[in-house]
Amino acid sequence: MISYPETEQFRHVIAEVTQYVRQGEEDRDKELPTLKFIGTVKLHGTNSAIGYHKDLGHWLQSRNNILTPLRDNAGFVQR
C-alpha cells in the first residue's frame, strides 16, 4: 500500500517556522522569513486508488487502508 501523505495545516507551518527561528530568548525579536505558498482549492470527497506491483498484483486502497468488499470506501470496490 502507498499511503497518501498528511496535508499540513497552515497554522502548524507558521508555528514550526516561528519556533525554529526564535529558539532562544535572545531570538525573541528576530525577524521571521517571508514564506511563499501556492494554494489549491480543497474539494471535499474521498481518496481511492488502484495500486499495482509486479509481484503482488493489484489492490484497491483508500488514503490509509486496503479496501475489500467488507471494508469499502464510498462504493469504490463495488464499481
Foldseek 3Di string as FASTA:
>chain_A
DDADDDDDDPVVVVVVQQCVQQVDPVSNPPDGDDDDDDDDDDDDDWAKDWDQDPVPGIFIDTNPGTDDPVRHDPCPNVD
